[in-house]
């Protein structure tokens, strides 16, 4: 086996970085890593290039050591219209899980239940068959705890299923699909809880045996980081702007984009209280995401007289919503959250009530 890091020029002064994996006997595969700046300007673009290049080197080593889904060439890598969709779905789900998008694998597991472990071909994916799987997810799908799937989870799993079919079309496995003929279930936006500034301050005063978890949650209420970005946060990601001001500069795991977030004094105090010495030391390395962790958070919230069904992700909602309530421009919030699409950020505008109350009070001046 041989793995080579290669580059290809792209538009907008960018270069695509990818791995050329050669398995021998004429078998090879291209693994896309990301795009780097040709002439990086400023610390953000330089840091972004550095992280993408490091990611390429790390992935190359993992492939050579046999620790990556790309380490082995499977017969399913060469597929045709009459090949197994089940095998293709499994392979794609494993790759996406490796990249951190676990819901692809969740969708695959539901599909195995739906198909009763039969080998489904690409030619079997008619519009009616796809609609049957969609119905299964919304009305018969069960979680690991044998509870019905939430509507949000069902929607996400079906989207990942459709995305897999589109991947196959993009890769030339199939030339057309019947996805356009499928009548999709209407997605109902779930109610998103968030904590107010008063509730966050009240929560931070609670004494608990799970202090690391509580500190991590409070920290994300003031920074808006996702759990995975918070957990991978290192001492070198904290940059001093001037004498008394600091900011986080990091590459987000989900999008691989560089984001810069000014550090609130409360967030900075939490970081200073952790035991970190080396630049590569992580602040919250011992935390592991689980349902039990979210249960503990809700128990701590109840101690602070907060009767809301919160999850760790509620911290990100709280960060965005409280900024909106303070009148911060939504484009600034978009950049702080690292969203690529403004529509995603606008979801928080529907959640936030503070700005609405202030706007209604303007009636007094009419």
Protein backbone atom coordinates (compact mmCIF):
# COMPACT_ATOMS: atom_id res chain seq x y z
CA UNK A 1 0.00 0.00 0.00
CA UNK A 2 1.08 3.54 -0.73
CA UNK A 3 -0.56 6.79 0.46
CA UNK A 4 0.37 10.10 -1.15
CA UNK A 5 -0.82 13.58 -0.22
CA UNK A 6 -1.72 15.47 -3.40
CA UNK A 7 -3.01 18.92 -4.31
CA UNK A 8 -5.27 20.26 -7.05
CA UNK A 9 -5.81 23.92 -7.87
CA UNK A 10 -9.34 25.22 -7.36
CA UNK A 11 -11.15 28.50 -7.89
CA UNK A 12 -11.13 31.47 -5.47
CA UNK A 13 -7.42 31.19 -4.65
CA UNK A 14 -7.88 27.78 -2.99
CA UNK A 15 -6.20 24.40 -3.42
CA UNK A 16 -7.87 21.05 -2.78
CA UNK A 17 -5.90 18.65 -0.57
CA UNK A 18 -6.53 14.90 -0.93
CA UNK A 19 -4.98 11.50 -0.30
CA UNK A 20 -4.23 9.15 -3.17
CA UNK A 21 -4.46 5.65 -1.67
CA UNK A 22 -2.99 2.86 -3.81
CA UNK A 23 -3.81 -0.68 -2.68
CA UNK A 24 -1.89 -2.54 -5.39
CA UNK A 25 -3.09 -4.51 -8.45
CA UNK A 26 -4.47 -1.36 -10.01
CA UNK A 27 -6.83 -0.60 -7.09
CA UNK A 28 -6.84 2.94 -5.72
CA UNK A 29 -9.06 5.49 -4.05
CA UNK A 30 -9.08 9.26 -3.59
CA UNK A 31 -9.88 10.64 -0.12
CA UNK A 32 -10.74 14.35 0.01
CA UNK A 33 -9.36 16.22 3.05
CA UNK A 34 -10.30 19.86 2.45
CA UNK A 35 -9.25 23.10 0.79
CA UNK A 36 -6.38 25.34 1.83
CA UNK A 37 -5.58 28.97 0.98
CA UNK A 38 -2.93 29.46 -1.71
CA UNK A 39 -1.66 32.67 -0.14
CA UNK A 40 -2.89 32.70 3.47
CA UNK A 41 -3.42 36.17 4.90
CA UNK A 42 -3.59 36.69 8.65
CA UNK A 43 -3.52 34.22 11.52
CA UNK A 44 -6.92 32.69 10.78
CA UNK A 45 -6.06 31.50 7.26
CA UNK A 46 -2.58 30.36 8.32
CA UNK A 47 -4.01 28.40 11.25
CA UNK A 48 -6.67 26.91 8.97
CA UNK A 49 -4.01 25.72 6.46
CA UNK A 50 -1.91 24.28 9.26
CA UNK A 51 -4.82 22.26 10.66
CA UNK A 52 -5.91 20.91 7.27
CA UNK A 53 -2.34 19.84 6.47
CA UNK A 54 -1.99 18.21 9.91
CA UNK A 55 -5.29 16.39 9.34
CA UNK A 56 -3.95 15.02 6.03
CA UNK A 57 -0.78 13.76 7.71
CA UNK A 58 -2.72 12.16 10.59
CA UNK A 59 -5.16 10.44 8.22
CA UNK A 60 -2.27 9.16 6.09
CA UNK A 61 -0.67 7.54 9.14
CA UNK A 62 -3.98 5.99 10.27
CA UNK A 63 -4.56 4.47 6.83
CA UNK A 64 -1.04 3.01 6.74
CA UNK A 65 -1.47 1.60 10.27
CA UNK A 66 -4.77 -0.06 9.30
CA UNK A 67 -6.83 2.07 11.69
CA UNK A 68 -9.01 3.80 9.08
CA UNK A 69 -12.02 2.66 7.00
CA UNK A 70 -9.85 3.62 4.00
CA UNK A 71 -7.13 1.14 5.01
CA UNK A 72 -8.76 -1.70 3.07
CA UNK A 73 -10.17 -1.91 -0.42
CA UNK A 74 -13.47 -3.77 -0.50
CA UNK A 75 -15.18 -5.30 -3.49
CA UNK A 76 -18.07 -2.98 -2.73
CA UNK A 77 -15.82 -0.08 -3.75
CA UNK A 78 -16.43 -1.14 -7.35
CA UNK A 79 -20.18 -1.25 -7.65
CA UNK A 80 -22.80 -1.07 -10.35
CA UNK A 81 -26.49 -0.35 -10.76
CA UNK A 82 -27.37 -3.90 -9.69
CA UNK A 83 -24.93 -3.94 -6.77
CA UNK A 84 -25.90 -4.00 -3.12
CA UNK A 85 -27.20 -0.71 -1.73
CA UNK A 86 -27.07 -2.29 1.73
CA UNK A 87 -23.30 -2.81 1.41
CA UNK A 88 -22.80 0.68 -0.03
CA UNK A 89 -24.86 2.23 2.77
CA UNK A 90 -22.83 0.36 5.39
CA UNK A 91 -19.51 1.46 3.89
CA UNK A 92 -20.62 5.10 3.57
CA UNK A 93 -22.05 5.10 7.11
CA UNK A 94 -18.76 3.79 8.51
CA UNK A 95 -16.81 6.49 6.70
CA UNK A 96 -19.17 9.25 7.88
CA UNK A 97 -19.08 7.91 11.45
CA UNK A 98 -15.29 8.05 11.28
CA UNK A 99 -15.65 11.72 10.29
CA UNK A 100 -17.86 12.40 13.30
CA UNK A 101 -21.28 12.26 11.61
CA UNK A 102 -22.73 9.34 13.57
CA UNK A 103 -26.33 9.76 12.43
CA UNK A 104 -25.45 8.16 9.08
CA UNK A 105 -24.70 4.96 10.98
CA UNK A 106 -27.88 5.34 13.02
CA UNK A 107 -29.87 5.61 9.79
CA UNK A 108 -28.09 2.52 8.42
CA UNK A 109 -29.01 0.49 11.52
CA UNK A 110 -32.67 1.53 11.15
CA UNK A 111 -32.55 0.58 7.48
CA UNK A 112 -31.28 -2.91 8.41
CA UNK A 113 -34.28 -3.33 10.72
CA UNK A 114 -36.65 -2.04 8.05
CA UNK A 115 -35.26 -4.33 5.33
CA UNK A 116 -35.19 -7.28 7.78
CA UNK A 117 -31.47 -7.70 7.03
CA UNK A 118 -32.14 -8.50 3.38
CA UNK A 119 -29.60 -7.49 0.74
CA UNK A 120 -31.25 -4.52 -0.99
CA UNK A 121 -29.99 -3.57 -4.46
CA UNK A 122 -29.86 -0.06 -5.91
CA UNK A 123 -32.52 -1.15 -8.40
CA UNK A 124 -34.88 -1.84 -5.46
CA UNK A 125 -34.88 1.85 -4.43
CA UNK A 126 -38.15 2.86 -6.07
CA UNK A 127 -40.12 5.89 -4.87
CA UNK A 128 -42.60 3.64 -3.07
CA UNK A 129 -39.82 1.69 -1.33
CA UNK A 130 -38.17 4.94 -0.17
CA UNK A 131 -41.52 6.22 1.12
CA UNK A 132 -42.02 2.94 3.00
CA UNK A 133 -38.69 3.43 4.76
CA UNK A 134 -39.65 7.01 5.60
CA UNK A 135 -42.94 5.79 7.10
CA UNK A 136 -41.04 3.17 9.09
CA UNK A 137 -38.77 5.82 10.63
CA UNK A 138 -41.61 8.14 11.66
CA UNK A 139 -44.05 5.50 12.90
CA UNK A 140 -42.20 2.28 13.72
CA UNK A 141 -38.56 3.19 14.31
CA UNK A 142 -37.24 2.42 17.78
CA UNK A 143 -34.21 3.70 19.66
CA UNK A 144 -31.60 1.61 21.51
CA UNK A 145 -33.79 1.98 24.59
CA UNK A 146 -36.73 0.61 22.59
CA UNK A 147 -38.56 3.94 22.67
CA UNK A 148 -40.13 5.52 19.55
CA UNK A 149 -37.78 7.74 17.56
CA UNK A 150 -38.43 11.44 17.99
CA UNK A 151 -39.68 13.29 14.93
CA UNK A 152 -36.40 15.22 14.76
CA UNK A 153 -34.34 12.00 14.81
CA UNK A 154 -36.59 10.40 12.18
CA UNK A 155 -36.14 13.43 9.93
CA UNK A 156 -32.38 13.38 10.40
CA UNK A 157 -32.11 9.64 9.68
CA UNK A 158 -34.19 9.98 6.51
CA UNK A 159 -32.07 12.92 5.34
CA UNK A 160 -28.91 10.82 5.83
CA UNK A 161 -30.50 7.97 3.86
CA UNK A 162 -31.33 10.35 0.99
CA UNK A 163 -27.84 11.86 1.17
CA UNK A 164 -26.34 8.37 0.77
CA UNK A 165 -28.32 7.83 -2.43
CA UNK A 166 -27.13 11.22 -3.70
CA UNK A 167 -23.53 10.26 -2.86
CA UNK A 168 -23.96 7.18 -5.05
CA UNK A 169 -25.29 9.32 -7.88
CA UNK A 170 -22.45 11.81 -7.53
CA UNK A 171 -19.90 8.98 -7.59
CA UNK A 172 -21.37 7.57 -10.79
CA UNK A 173 -22.82 4.43 -9.21
CA UNK A 174 -26.29 5.33 -10.42
CA UNK A 175 -27.33 7.89 -12.99
CA UNK A 176 -30.81 8.72 -11.75
CA UNK A 177 -32.89 8.25 -8.63
CA UNK A 178 -36.57 8.44 -7.76
CA UNK A 179 -35.97 10.71 -4.77
CA UNK A 180 -37.69 13.60 -6.54
CA UNK A 181 -40.88 11.52 -6.69
CA UNK A 182 -40.95 10.91 -2.93
CA UNK A 183 -43.50 12.81 -0.82
CA UNK A 184 -41.53 13.82 2.25
CA UNK A 185 -42.99 14.18 5.73
CA UNK A 186 -43.25 17.78 6.89
CA UNK A 187 -40.57 18.58 9.42
CA UNK A 188 -41.91 20.31 12.53
CA UNK A 189 -39.27 22.48 14.20
CA UNK A 190 -38.93 21.24 17.80
CA UNK A 191 -39.13 23.56 20.77
CA UNK A 192 -35.60 24.58 21.77
CA UNK A 193 -34.99 25.44 25.39
CA UNK A 194 -32.38 27.96 26.43
CA UNK A 195 -31.22 29.39 29.74
CA UNK A 196 -31.47 33.10 30.49
CA UNK A 197 -28.52 35.04 31.86
CA UNK A 198 -30.08 34.96 35.33
CA UNK A 199 -30.51 31.18 35.16
CA UNK A 200 -26.89 30.68 34.00
CA UNK A 201 -25.59 32.75 36.92
CA UNK A 202 -27.81 30.83 39.33
CA UNK A 203 -26.61 27.54 37.89
CA UNK A 204 -22.94 28.52 38.29
CA UNK A 205 -23.41 28.84 42.09
CA UNK A 206 -24.56 25.24 42.57
CA UNK A 207 -22.26 22.89 44.49
CA UNK A 208 -22.08 19.48 42.87
CA UNK A 209 -19.89 16.38 42.62
CA UNK A 210 -19.95 16.88 38.84
CA UNK A 211 -18.10 20.20 38.86
CA UNK A 212 -16.14 19.51 35.64
CA UNK A 213 -19.39 18.84 33.77
CA UNK A 214 -21.04 21.97 35.19
CA UNK A 215 -18.01 24.13 34.37
CA UNK A 216 -17.94 22.80 30.80
CA UNK A 217 -21.65 23.58 30.38
CA UNK A 218 -21.30 27.10 31.80
CA UNK A 219 -18.22 27.65 29.62
CA UNK A 220 -20.22 26.77 26.49
CA UNK A 221 -23.05 29.09 27.60
CA UNK A 222 -20.51 31.91 27.29
CA UNK A 223 -18.73 30.68 24.12
CA UNK A 224 -21.35 28.76 22.12
CA UNK A 225 -18.97 25.86 21.38
CA UNK A 226 -20.30 22.45 20.44
CA UNK A 227 -19.41 19.61 22.82
CA UNK A 228 -16.78 18.13 20.49
CA UNK A 229 -15.07 21.51 19.96
CA UNK A 230 -15.12 22.16 23.71
CA UNK A 231 -13.65 18.75 24.50
CA UNK A 232 -10.81 19.13 21.99
CA UNK A 233 -9.99 22.69 23.14
CA UNK A 234 -6.29 23.07 23.92
CA UNK A 235 -4.31 25.70 25.80
CA UNK A 236 -2.72 26.89 22.53
CA UNK A 237 -6.21 27.78 21.22
CA UNK A 238 -6.42 30.64 23.75
CA UNK A 239 -4.93 33.82 22.25
CA UNK A 240 -4.21 37.01 24.20
CA UNK A 241 -5.55 40.03 22.30
CA UNK A 242 -4.34 42.71 24.71
CA UNK A 243 -3.51 43.06 28.38
CA UNK A 244 -6.85 41.88 29.77
CA UNK A 245 -8.63 40.35 26.78
CA UNK A 246 -8.42 36.84 25.33
CA UNK A 247 -10.15 34.96 22.56
CA UNK A 248 -10.48 31.41 21.29
CA UNK A 249 -9.13 30.70 17.81
CA UNK A 250 -9.85 27.15 16.68
CA UNK A 251 -10.89 24.98 13.77
CA UNK A 252 -14.40 23.61 14.25
CA UNK A 253 -14.66 19.82 14.02
CA UNK A 254 -17.93 19.83 12.09
CA UNK A 255 -17.11 22.33 9.33
CA UNK A 256 -13.29 22.55 9.48
CA UNK A 257 -13.69 26.35 9.40
CA UNK A 258 -11.70 28.69 11.63
CA UNK A 259 -13.77 30.52 14.23
CA UNK A 260 -12.75 33.27 16.66
CA UNK A 261 -14.72 33.77 19.89
CA UNK A 262 -13.90 36.50 22.45
CA UNK A 263 -13.61 35.01 25.94
CA UNK A 264 -16.10 36.25 28.53
CA UNK A 265 -14.44 36.77 31.98
CA UNK A 266 -16.51 33.92 33.43
CA UNK A 267 -15.35 31.56 30.66
CA UNK A 268 -11.74 32.67 31.16
CA UNK A 269 -11.98 31.98 34.91
CA UNK A 270 -13.14 28.43 34.18
CA UNK A 271 -10.16 27.84 31.88
CA UNK A 272 -7.74 29.30 34.42
CA UNK A 273 -9.06 26.94 37.08
CA UNK A 274 -8.14 23.84 35.05
CA UNK A 275 -4.81 22.03 35.31
CA UNK A 276 -3.10 22.75 31.99
CA UNK A 277 0.61 23.36 31.46
CA UNK A 278 1.61 22.36 27.93
CA UNK A 279 0.20 24.12 24.82
CA UNK A 280 -1.38 20.82 23.72
CA UNK A 281 -3.06 20.11 27.07
CA UNK A 282 -6.86 19.89 26.79
CA UNK A 283 -9.07 21.71 29.29
CA UNK A 284 -12.00 19.25 29.35
CA UNK A 285 -10.39 15.97 28.23
CA UNK A 286 -12.14 13.73 30.80
CA UNK A 287 -15.71 14.43 29.67
CA UNK A 288 -17.64 11.92 27.58
CA UNK A 289 -20.97 12.68 25.92
CA UNK A 290 -23.82 10.41 27.00
CA UNK A 291 -27.48 10.40 27.96
CA UNK A 292 -26.35 9.97 31.56
CA UNK A 293 -24.39 13.22 31.30
CA UNK A 294 -27.50 15.09 30.12
CA UNK A 295 -29.49 13.54 32.96
CA UNK A 296 -26.95 14.86 35.47
CA UNK A 297 -27.20 18.33 33.93
CA UNK A 298 -30.97 18.33 34.40
CA UNK A 299 -30.53 17.22 38.02
CA UNK A 300 -28.11 20.11 38.63
CA UNK A 301 -30.54 22.50 36.93
CA UNK A 302 -33.33 21.40 39.28
CA UNK A 303 -31.07 22.26 42.23
CA UNK A 304 -31.00 25.80 40.79
CA UNK A 305 -34.84 25.82 40.46
CA UNK A 306 -34.57 25.55 36.66
CA UNK A 307 -37.34 23.24 35.48
CA UNK A 308 -36.34 22.94 31.83
CA UNK A 309 -35.58 19.82 29.78
CA UNK A 310 -32.01 20.76 28.94
CA UNK A 311 -29.19 18.95 27.15
CA UNK A 312 -25.55 19.91 26.83
CA UNK A 313 -26.39 21.50 23.46
CA UNK A 314 -28.72 23.88 25.34
CA UNK A 315 -25.57 25.83 26.22
CA UNK A 316 -25.07 26.71 22.54
CA UNK A 317 -28.72 27.70 22.23
CA UNK A 318 -28.37 29.87 25.35
CA UNK A 319 -25.27 31.64 24.00
CA UNK A 320 -26.98 32.59 20.73
CA UNK A 321 -30.36 33.46 22.24
CA UNK A 322 -28.94 35.71 24.97
CA UNK A 323 -26.83 37.60 22.43
CA UNK A 324 -29.94 38.14 20.29
CA UNK A 325 -31.87 39.32 23.35
CA UNK A 326 -29.10 41.89 23.92
CA UNK A 327 -29.59 43.21 20.39
CA UNK A 328 -26.38 41.79 18.87
CA UNK A 329 -26.48 41.74 15.08
CA UNK A 330 -27.44 38.30 13.75
CA UNK A 331 -24.52 38.32 11.27
CA UNK A 332 -22.09 38.66 14.20
CA UNK A 333 -23.79 35.72 15.95
CA UNK A 334 -23.57 33.70 12.73
CA UNK A 335 -19.78 34.20 12.68
CA UNK A 336 -19.40 33.41 16.38
CA UNK A 337 -21.30 30.15 15.98
CA UNK A 338 -19.42 29.25 12.81
CA UNK A 339 -22.58 28.82 10.75
CA UNK A 340 -22.17 28.76 6.98
CA UNK A 341 -25.81 29.58 6.34
CA UNK A 342 -27.70 32.50 7.89
CA UNK A 343 -30.91 30.44 7.83
CA UNK A 344 -29.43 28.19 10.52
CA UNK A 345 -28.73 31.17 12.77
CA UNK A 346 -32.22 32.60 12.21
CA UNK A 347 -33.68 29.62 14.07
CA UNK A 348 -32.44 31.28 17.27
CA UNK A 349 -34.29 34.48 16.37
CA UNK A 350 -37.54 32.50 16.68
CA UNK A 351 -36.47 31.20 20.10
CA UNK A 352 -35.47 34.50 21.66
CA UNK A 353 -38.17 36.40 23.50
CA UNK A 354 -36.15 39.24 25.00
CA UNK A 355 -35.85 41.26 21.81
CA UNK A 356 -39.57 40.70 21.12
CA UNK A 357 -40.44 42.14 24.55
CA UNK A 358 -38.24 45.18 23.92
CA UNK A 359 -39.79 45.68 20.48
CA UNK A 360 -43.32 45.55 21.86
CA UNK A 361 -42.39 48.11 24.53
CA UNK A 362 -41.71 50.55 21.69
CA UNK A 363 -45.50 50.87 21.43
CA UNK A 364 -45.36 53.08 24.52
CA UNK A 365 -43.48 55.71 22.55
CA UNK A 366 -45.99 55.80 19.67
